[in-house]
N, C-alpha and C. Protein backbone atom coordinates (compact mmCIF):
# COMPACT_ATOMS: atom_id res chain seq x y z
N UNK A 1 0.83 -1.25 -0.29
CA UNK A 1 -0.10 0.17 0.14
C UNK A 1 0.83 1.47 -0.16
N UNK A 2 2.23 1.10 0.79
CA UNK A 2 2.62 2.44 1.09
C UNK A 2 2.92 2.87 -0.61
N UNK A 3 3.85 1.82 -1.29
CA UNK A 3 4.29 2.19 -2.55
C UNK A 3 3.77 2.56 -3.37
N UNK A 4 2.44 1.84 -3.94
CA UNK A 4 1.08 2.64 -4.36
C UNK A 4 0.62 3.79 -3.72
N UNK A 5 0.62 4.19 -2.72
CA UNK A 5 0.44 5.55 -2.34
C UNK A 5 1.45 6.76 -3.03
N UNK A 6 2.89 6.09 -3.00
CA UNK A 6 3.89 6.97 -3.29
C UNK A 6 3.53 7.42 -5.03
N UNK A 7 3.80 6.14 -5.54
CA UNK A 7 2.99 6.49 -7.20
C UNK A 7 2.15 7.27 -7.02
N UNK A 8 0.68 7.41 -6.66
CA UNK A 8 0.21 8.38 -6.88
C UNK A 8 0.24 9.23 -6.36
N UNK A 9 0.93 9.58 -5.33
CA UNK A 9 1.54 11.31 -4.59
C UNK A 9 2.72 11.58 -6.19
N UNK A 10 3.19 10.49 -6.60
CA UNK A 10 4.01 10.89 -8.12
C UNK A 10 2.79 11.65 -8.97
N UNK A 11 2.21 10.47 -9.47
CA UNK A 11 1.09 10.83 -10.85
C UNK A 11 0.41 12.31 -10.30
N UNK A 12 -0.32 12.52 -9.04
CA UNK A 12 -1.21 13.59 -8.72
C UNK A 12 0.13 15.03 -8.71
N UNK A 13 1.37 14.48 -7.58
CA UNK A 13 1.91 15.66 -7.98
C UNK A 13 1.93 16.57 -6.45
N UNK A 14 2.88 17.28 -6.08
CA UNK A 14 2.98 18.37 -5.29
C UNK A 14 1.95 19.25 -5.00
N UNK A 15 1.45 19.90 -3.97
CA UNK A 15 0.62 21.11 -4.31
C UNK A 15 1.32 22.37 -3.96
N UNK A 16 1.01 23.31 -4.32
CA UNK A 16 1.98 24.84 -4.11
C UNK A 16 0.57 25.38 -2.68
N UNK A 17 1.31 25.56 -1.56
CA UNK A 17 0.05 25.97 -0.62
C UNK A 17 1.35 27.44 -0.24
N UNK A 18 0.89 28.32 -0.02
CA UNK A 18 1.12 29.59 0.79
C UNK A 18 2.55 29.60 0.05
N UNK A 19 2.60 30.00 -0.71
CA UNK A 19 3.91 29.96 -1.85
C UNK A 19 4.81 28.82 -1.73
N UNK A 20 4.77 27.48 -1.15
CA UNK A 20 5.67 26.52 -1.26
C UNK A 20 5.07 25.35 -1.10
N UNK A 21 6.12 24.76 -2.29
CA UNK A 21 5.68 23.27 -2.52
C UNK A 21 5.32 22.34 -1.20
N UNK A 22 4.09 21.30 -1.04
CA UNK A 22 4.42 20.24 -0.49
C UNK A 22 3.82 18.81 -1.16
N UNK A 23 3.99 17.86 -0.56
CA UNK A 23 3.69 16.48 -0.74
C UNK A 23 2.17 16.65 -0.48
N UNK A 24 0.98 16.19 -1.26
CA UNK A 24 -0.43 15.44 -0.82
C UNK A 24 -0.44 15.25 0.18
N UNK A 25 -1.33 15.46 1.49
CA UNK A 25 -1.35 14.79 2.24
C UNK A 25 -2.46 13.22 1.80
N UNK A 26 -2.47 12.62 2.37
CA UNK A 26 -3.51 11.42 2.67
C UNK A 26 -4.67 11.49 1.94
N UNK A 27 -5.21 12.28 2.98
CA UNK A 27 -6.67 12.56 2.62
C UNK A 27 -7.13 13.45 1.12
N UNK A 28 -6.23 14.09 0.81
CA UNK A 28 -6.18 15.22 -0.38
C UNK A 28 -6.01 14.10 -1.10
N UNK A 29 -5.38 12.93 -0.86
CA UNK A 29 -5.01 12.11 -2.40
C UNK A 29 -6.19 10.84 -1.81
N UNK A 30 -6.64 10.61 -1.20
CA UNK A 30 -7.88 10.21 -1.29
C UNK A 30 -9.00 10.64 -1.31
N UNK A 31 -9.34 12.07 -1.72
CA UNK A 31 -10.46 12.48 -2.30
C UNK A 31 -10.32 12.48 -3.88
N UNK A 32 -9.40 12.14 -4.24
CA UNK A 32 -8.47 12.49 -5.46
C UNK A 32 -9.01 11.34 -6.23
N UNK A 33 -8.79 9.98 -5.57
CA UNK A 33 -9.04 8.88 -6.30
C UNK A 33 -10.04 8.32 -5.79
N UNK A 34 -10.80 8.45 -4.83
CA UNK A 34 -12.26 7.99 -4.54
C UNK A 34 -12.06 7.11 -3.85
N UNK A 35 -10.82 6.57 -3.08
CA UNK A 35 -10.79 4.97 -2.58
C UNK A 35 -10.78 5.16 -1.22
N UNK A 36 -11.40 4.12 -0.45
CA UNK A 36 -11.65 3.98 1.08
C UNK A 36 -10.45 4.20 1.80
N UNK A 37 -10.12 4.78 2.96
CA UNK A 37 -8.92 5.19 3.30
C UNK A 37 -8.84 3.76 4.31
N UNK A 38 -7.54 3.45 4.41
CA UNK A 38 -6.72 1.73 4.69
C UNK A 38 -7.51 1.59 6.47
N UNK A 39 -7.73 2.55 6.99
CA UNK A 39 -8.67 2.43 8.11
C UNK A 39 -10.19 1.59 8.22
N UNK A 40 -10.91 2.48 7.55
CA UNK A 40 -12.16 1.95 6.54
C UNK A 40 -12.03 0.96 5.95
N UNK A 41 -11.46 0.59 5.26
CA UNK A 41 -11.13 -1.16 4.51
C UNK A 41 -11.00 -2.39 5.43
N UNK A 42 -10.09 -2.04 6.32
CA UNK A 42 -9.90 -2.79 7.41
C UNK A 42 -11.29 -2.82 8.21
N UNK A 43 -11.78 -1.83 8.76
CA UNK A 43 -12.92 -2.49 9.38
C UNK A 43 -14.00 -2.86 8.22
N UNK A 44 -14.02 -3.15 7.70
CA UNK A 44 -15.26 -3.69 6.54
C UNK A 44 -14.03 -5.10 6.56
N UNK A 45 -13.39 -5.25 6.15
CA UNK A 45 -12.77 -6.75 5.69
C UNK A 45 -12.56 -8.06 7.30
N UNK A 46 -12.65 -7.08 8.70
CA UNK A 46 -12.40 -7.70 9.56
C UNK A 46 -13.50 -8.67 9.83
N UNK A 47 -14.81 -8.27 9.95
CA UNK A 47 -16.03 -9.04 9.82
C UNK A 47 -15.99 -10.25 8.90
N UNK A 48 -15.76 -10.18 7.77
CA UNK A 48 -15.43 -11.06 7.14
C UNK A 48 -14.85 -12.31 8.02
N UNK A 49 -13.53 -11.79 8.12
CA UNK A 49 -12.34 -12.59 8.42
C UNK A 49 -12.77 -13.36 9.68
N UNK A 50 -13.54 -12.58 10.75
CA UNK A 50 -14.04 -13.16 11.84
C UNK A 50 -14.99 -14.68 11.60
N UNK A 51 -16.26 -14.09 10.69
CA UNK A 51 -17.02 -15.08 10.08
C UNK A 51 -16.29 -16.30 9.52
N UNK A 52 -15.10 -15.89 8.62
CA UNK A 52 -14.40 -17.18 8.15
C UNK A 52 -13.72 -18.23 9.61
N UNK A 53 -13.48 -17.32 10.53
CA UNK A 53 -12.58 -18.30 11.96
C UNK A 53 -13.73 -18.87 12.54
N UNK A 54 -15.26 -18.31 12.56
CA UNK A 54 -16.51 -18.69 13.17
C UNK A 54 -16.42 -20.29 12.70
N UNK A 55 -16.39 -19.93 11.40
CA UNK A 55 -17.24 -21.21 10.74
C UNK A 55 -16.04 -22.33 10.57
N UNK A 56 -14.95 -22.40 11.16
CA UNK A 56 -13.60 -23.45 11.07
C UNK A 56 -14.21 -24.41 12.39
N UNK A 57 -13.47 -25.71 12.12
CA UNK A 57 -14.01 -26.92 13.05
C UNK A 57 -13.45 -25.97 14.63
N UNK A 58 -13.75 -26.92 15.74
CA UNK A 58 -13.54 -26.44 16.51
C UNK A 58 -11.90 -26.64 17.22
N UNK A 59 -11.55 -27.31 16.56
CA UNK A 59 -10.05 -28.04 16.95
C UNK A 59 -9.18 -27.40 16.24
N UNK A 60 -9.05 -26.11 15.45
CA UNK A 60 -8.44 -25.45 14.53
C UNK A 60 -8.18 -24.34 15.12
N UNK A 61 -6.58 -23.95 15.38
CA UNK A 61 -6.12 -23.37 16.46
C UNK A 61 -6.76 -21.79 16.29
N UNK A 62 -7.13 -20.98 14.96
CA UNK A 62 -7.44 -19.63 15.24
C UNK A 62 -8.45 -19.70 16.22
N UNK A 63 -9.52 -20.73 15.85
CA UNK A 63 -11.07 -20.84 16.87
C UNK A 63 -10.62 -20.90 17.80
N UNK A 64 -9.85 -21.60 18.28
CA UNK A 64 -9.56 -21.91 19.76
C UNK A 64 -9.07 -20.86 20.28
N UNK A 65 -8.56 -19.79 19.64
CA UNK A 65 -7.78 -18.44 20.42
C UNK A 65 -8.64 -17.66 20.73
N UNK A 66 -9.87 -17.40 19.50
CA UNK A 66 -10.94 -16.54 19.50
C UNK A 66 -12.08 -16.83 20.32
N UNK A 67 -12.42 -17.98 20.79
CA UNK A 67 -13.24 -18.69 21.64
C UNK A 67 -12.38 -18.93 23.17
N UNK A 68 -11.03 -18.66 23.18
CA UNK A 68 -10.48 -19.33 24.62
C UNK A 68 -10.32 -18.35 25.91
N UNK A 69 -10.49 -18.69 26.83
CA UNK A 69 -10.85 -18.19 28.23
C UNK A 69 -8.77 -18.16 28.22
N UNK A 70 -8.39 -17.67 28.49
CA UNK A 70 -6.68 -17.72 29.24
C UNK A 70 -6.83 -16.83 30.28
N UNK A 71 -6.50 -17.73 31.17
CA UNK A 71 -6.13 -17.49 32.96
C UNK A 71 -4.70 -16.87 32.88
N UNK A 72 -4.40 -15.77 33.59
CA UNK A 72 -3.06 -15.59 34.11
C UNK A 72 -3.42 -14.27 34.62
N UNK A 73 -2.26 -14.20 35.57
CA UNK A 73 -2.56 -13.08 36.66
C UNK A 73 -1.75 -11.94 35.97
N UNK A 74 -2.28 -11.02 36.09
CA UNK A 74 -1.28 -9.09 35.81
C UNK A 74 -1.59 -8.58 36.59
N UNK A 75 -0.64 -7.42 36.63
CA UNK A 75 -0.97 -6.25 37.45
C UNK A 75 -3.09 -5.73 37.48
N UNK A 76 -3.37 -5.18 38.28
CA UNK A 76 -4.97 -4.55 38.19
C UNK A 76 -4.68 -3.26 37.44
N UNK A 77 -4.42 -3.22 35.87
CA UNK A 77 -4.67 -2.46 35.22
C UNK A 77 -6.06 -2.17 34.39
N UNK A 78 -5.66 -1.19 33.74
CA UNK A 78 -7.13 -1.40 32.74
C UNK A 78 -6.79 -2.26 31.71
N UNK A 79 -7.68 -3.56 31.16
CA UNK A 79 -7.74 -4.90 30.47
C UNK A 79 -6.85 -3.90 29.16
N UNK A 80 -6.09 -4.99 28.42
CA UNK A 80 -5.87 -4.91 27.20
C UNK A 80 -7.76 -4.68 26.22
N UNK A 81 -7.45 -4.35 24.99
CA UNK A 81 -8.56 -4.42 24.07
C UNK A 81 -8.12 -5.71 23.38
N UNK A 82 -9.49 -6.77 23.40
CA UNK A 82 -9.15 -8.17 22.49
C UNK A 82 -9.75 -8.07 21.17
N UNK A 83 -9.15 -8.69 20.20
CA UNK A 83 -9.67 -8.64 19.01
C UNK A 83 -11.02 -8.73 18.71
N UNK A 84 -11.44 -9.84 19.92
CA UNK A 84 -13.08 -9.68 19.67
C UNK A 84 -13.89 -8.73 19.88
N UNK A 85 -13.39 -7.95 21.11
CA UNK A 85 -14.03 -6.64 21.37
C UNK A 85 -14.00 -5.50 19.98
N UNK A 86 -13.07 -5.87 19.56
CA UNK A 86 -12.75 -4.65 18.19
C UNK A 86 -13.84 -5.53 16.92
N UNK A 87 -13.59 -6.62 17.03
CA UNK A 87 -14.64 -6.68 16.17
C UNK A 87 -16.17 -6.81 16.51
N UNK A 88 -16.57 -6.72 17.90
CA UNK A 88 -17.79 -6.45 18.07
C UNK A 88 -18.07 -5.14 17.90
N UNK A 89 -17.49 -4.16 18.16
CA UNK A 89 -16.83 -2.98 18.04
C UNK A 89 -17.96 -2.71 16.28
N UNK A 90 -17.01 -3.44 15.74
CA UNK A 90 -17.18 -3.06 14.37
C UNK A 90 -18.14 -3.32 13.47
N UNK A 91 -18.58 -4.33 14.44
CA UNK A 91 -19.77 -4.81 13.64
C UNK A 91 -21.30 -4.42 13.87
N UNK A 92 -20.79 -4.11 15.27
CA UNK A 92 -22.22 -3.12 15.76
C UNK A 92 -22.62 -1.92 15.09
N UNK A 93 -20.66 -1.20 14.72
CA UNK A 93 -21.37 0.07 14.33
C UNK A 93 -21.93 -0.20 12.59
N UNK A 94 -20.90 -0.96 11.87
CA UNK A 94 -21.17 -1.33 10.59
C UNK A 94 -22.99 -1.89 10.11
N UNK A 95 -22.75 -3.11 10.84
CA UNK A 95 -24.14 -3.69 10.13
C UNK A 95 -25.30 -3.19 11.65
N UNK A 96 -24.87 -3.00 12.77
CA UNK A 96 -26.18 -2.49 14.04
C UNK A 96 -26.31 -4.26 14.45
N UNK A 97 -25.45 -4.81 14.75
CA UNK A 97 -26.34 -6.53 15.38
C UNK A 97 -25.20 -6.40 16.25
N UNK A 98 -25.47 -7.28 17.48
CA UNK A 98 -25.07 -7.69 18.60
C UNK A 98 -24.18 -9.12 18.69
N UNK A 99 -25.71 -9.72 17.91
CA UNK A 99 -25.31 -11.63 18.21
C UNK A 99 -24.59 -11.87 17.07
N UNK A 100 -23.51 -11.80 16.73
CA UNK A 100 -22.81 -11.82 15.25
C UNK A 100 -22.63 -13.30 14.87
N UNK A 101 -22.34 -13.85 15.93
CA UNK A 101 -21.58 -15.10 15.91
C UNK A 101 -22.60 -16.62 15.71
N UNK A 102 -23.62 -16.18 15.85
CA UNK A 102 -24.52 -17.04 15.20
C UNK A 102 -24.70 -16.71 13.53
N UNK A 103 -24.72 -15.69 13.26
CA UNK A 103 -25.01 -14.91 11.60
C UNK A 103 -24.20 -15.77 11.34
N UNK A 104 -22.60 -15.58 11.63
CA UNK A 104 -21.64 -15.35 10.95
C UNK A 104 -21.28 -17.02 10.92
N UNK A 105 -21.89 -17.80 11.55
CA UNK A 105 -22.27 -19.41 11.57
C UNK A 105 -22.49 -19.85 10.19
N UNK A 106 -23.72 -18.91 9.67
CA UNK A 106 -24.04 -19.63 8.36
C UNK A 106 -23.56 -18.22 7.09
N UNK A 107 -22.79 -18.96 6.35
CA UNK A 107 -22.25 -18.05 4.97
C UNK A 107 -22.86 -17.54 4.46
N UNK A 108 -23.74 -17.79 3.97
CA UNK A 108 -25.04 -17.52 3.06
C UNK A 108 -25.33 -16.07 3.64
N UNK A 109 -26.18 -16.28 5.02
CA UNK A 109 -26.54 -14.75 5.81
C UNK A 109 -25.39 -14.06 5.64
N UNK A 110 -24.13 -14.43 6.62
CA UNK A 110 -23.11 -13.39 6.90
C UNK A 110 -22.48 -12.77 5.62
N UNK A 111 -22.70 -13.59 4.43
CA UNK A 111 -22.05 -12.69 3.13
C UNK A 111 -22.71 -11.75 2.73
N UNK A 112 -24.66 -11.77 3.23
CA UNK A 112 -25.47 -10.89 2.68
C UNK A 112 -25.80 -9.77 3.62
N UNK A 113 -25.02 -9.83 4.72
CA UNK A 113 -25.35 -8.88 5.82
C UNK A 113 -24.04 -7.78 5.71
N UNK A 114 -22.91 -8.62 5.45
CA UNK A 114 -21.68 -8.15 4.76
C UNK A 114 -21.68 -7.18 3.99
N UNK A 115 -22.62 -7.49 2.52
CA UNK A 115 -22.28 -6.86 1.57
C UNK A 115 -23.84 -5.77 1.72
N UNK A 116 -24.57 -6.11 2.57
CA UNK A 116 -25.36 -4.79 3.11
C UNK A 116 -25.04 -3.87 3.60
N UNK A 117 -24.03 -4.10 4.70
CA UNK A 117 -22.83 -2.81 5.30
C UNK A 117 -22.62 -1.76 4.63
N UNK A 118 -22.51 -2.20 3.17
CA UNK A 118 -21.49 -0.73 2.46
C UNK A 118 -22.42 -0.88 1.30
N UNK A 119 -22.04 0.28 0.84
CA UNK A 119 -22.93 0.77 -0.37
C UNK A 119 -22.21 0.21 -1.72
N UNK A 120 -22.43 0.38 -2.79
CA UNK A 120 -21.84 0.18 -3.97
C UNK A 120 -20.46 0.60 -4.22
N UNK A 121 -19.79 1.85 -3.65
CA UNK A 121 -19.08 2.43 -3.76
C UNK A 121 -17.94 1.75 -2.80
N UNK A 122 -17.80 0.53 -1.77
CA UNK A 122 -17.45 0.14 -0.88
C UNK A 122 -17.13 0.98 0.10
N UNK A 123 -18.14 2.15 0.55
CA UNK A 123 -17.78 2.73 1.81
C UNK A 123 -18.86 2.14 2.88
N UNK A 124 -18.79 2.29 3.82
CA UNK A 124 -19.34 2.29 5.34
C UNK A 124 -20.60 2.62 4.88
N UNK A 125 -21.79 2.16 5.36
CA UNK A 125 -23.26 2.56 5.61
C UNK A 125 -23.46 3.34 6.47
N UNK A 126 -24.19 4.33 6.74
CA UNK A 126 -24.19 4.86 7.93
C UNK A 126 -25.27 3.97 8.94
């Protein structure tokens, strides 16, 4: 992605701002070629990958890690954000659902939900 953005920067070239030339900012480049920024792209793809893991057999390592409860002692501080928590936040924001595991187990239903969560341009639906 970095090399590709570098090529796009070269194609669109620098801009003059207050009498000085500068490289275009990422937001300016995204507006020029009308693509999602990398954060939105990840937020859209992450639930698809989570659904893939949910449909795996129970003895597979990724599913064990997702479903596992690991017991260890640590200092009393704010708990780290788990990948599952981020998935839940993204799915509830994009799709508006909370019980995503049951729906992700059905591939066709999950695919339909994920495609309904974004518009034809690929942007996240409000």
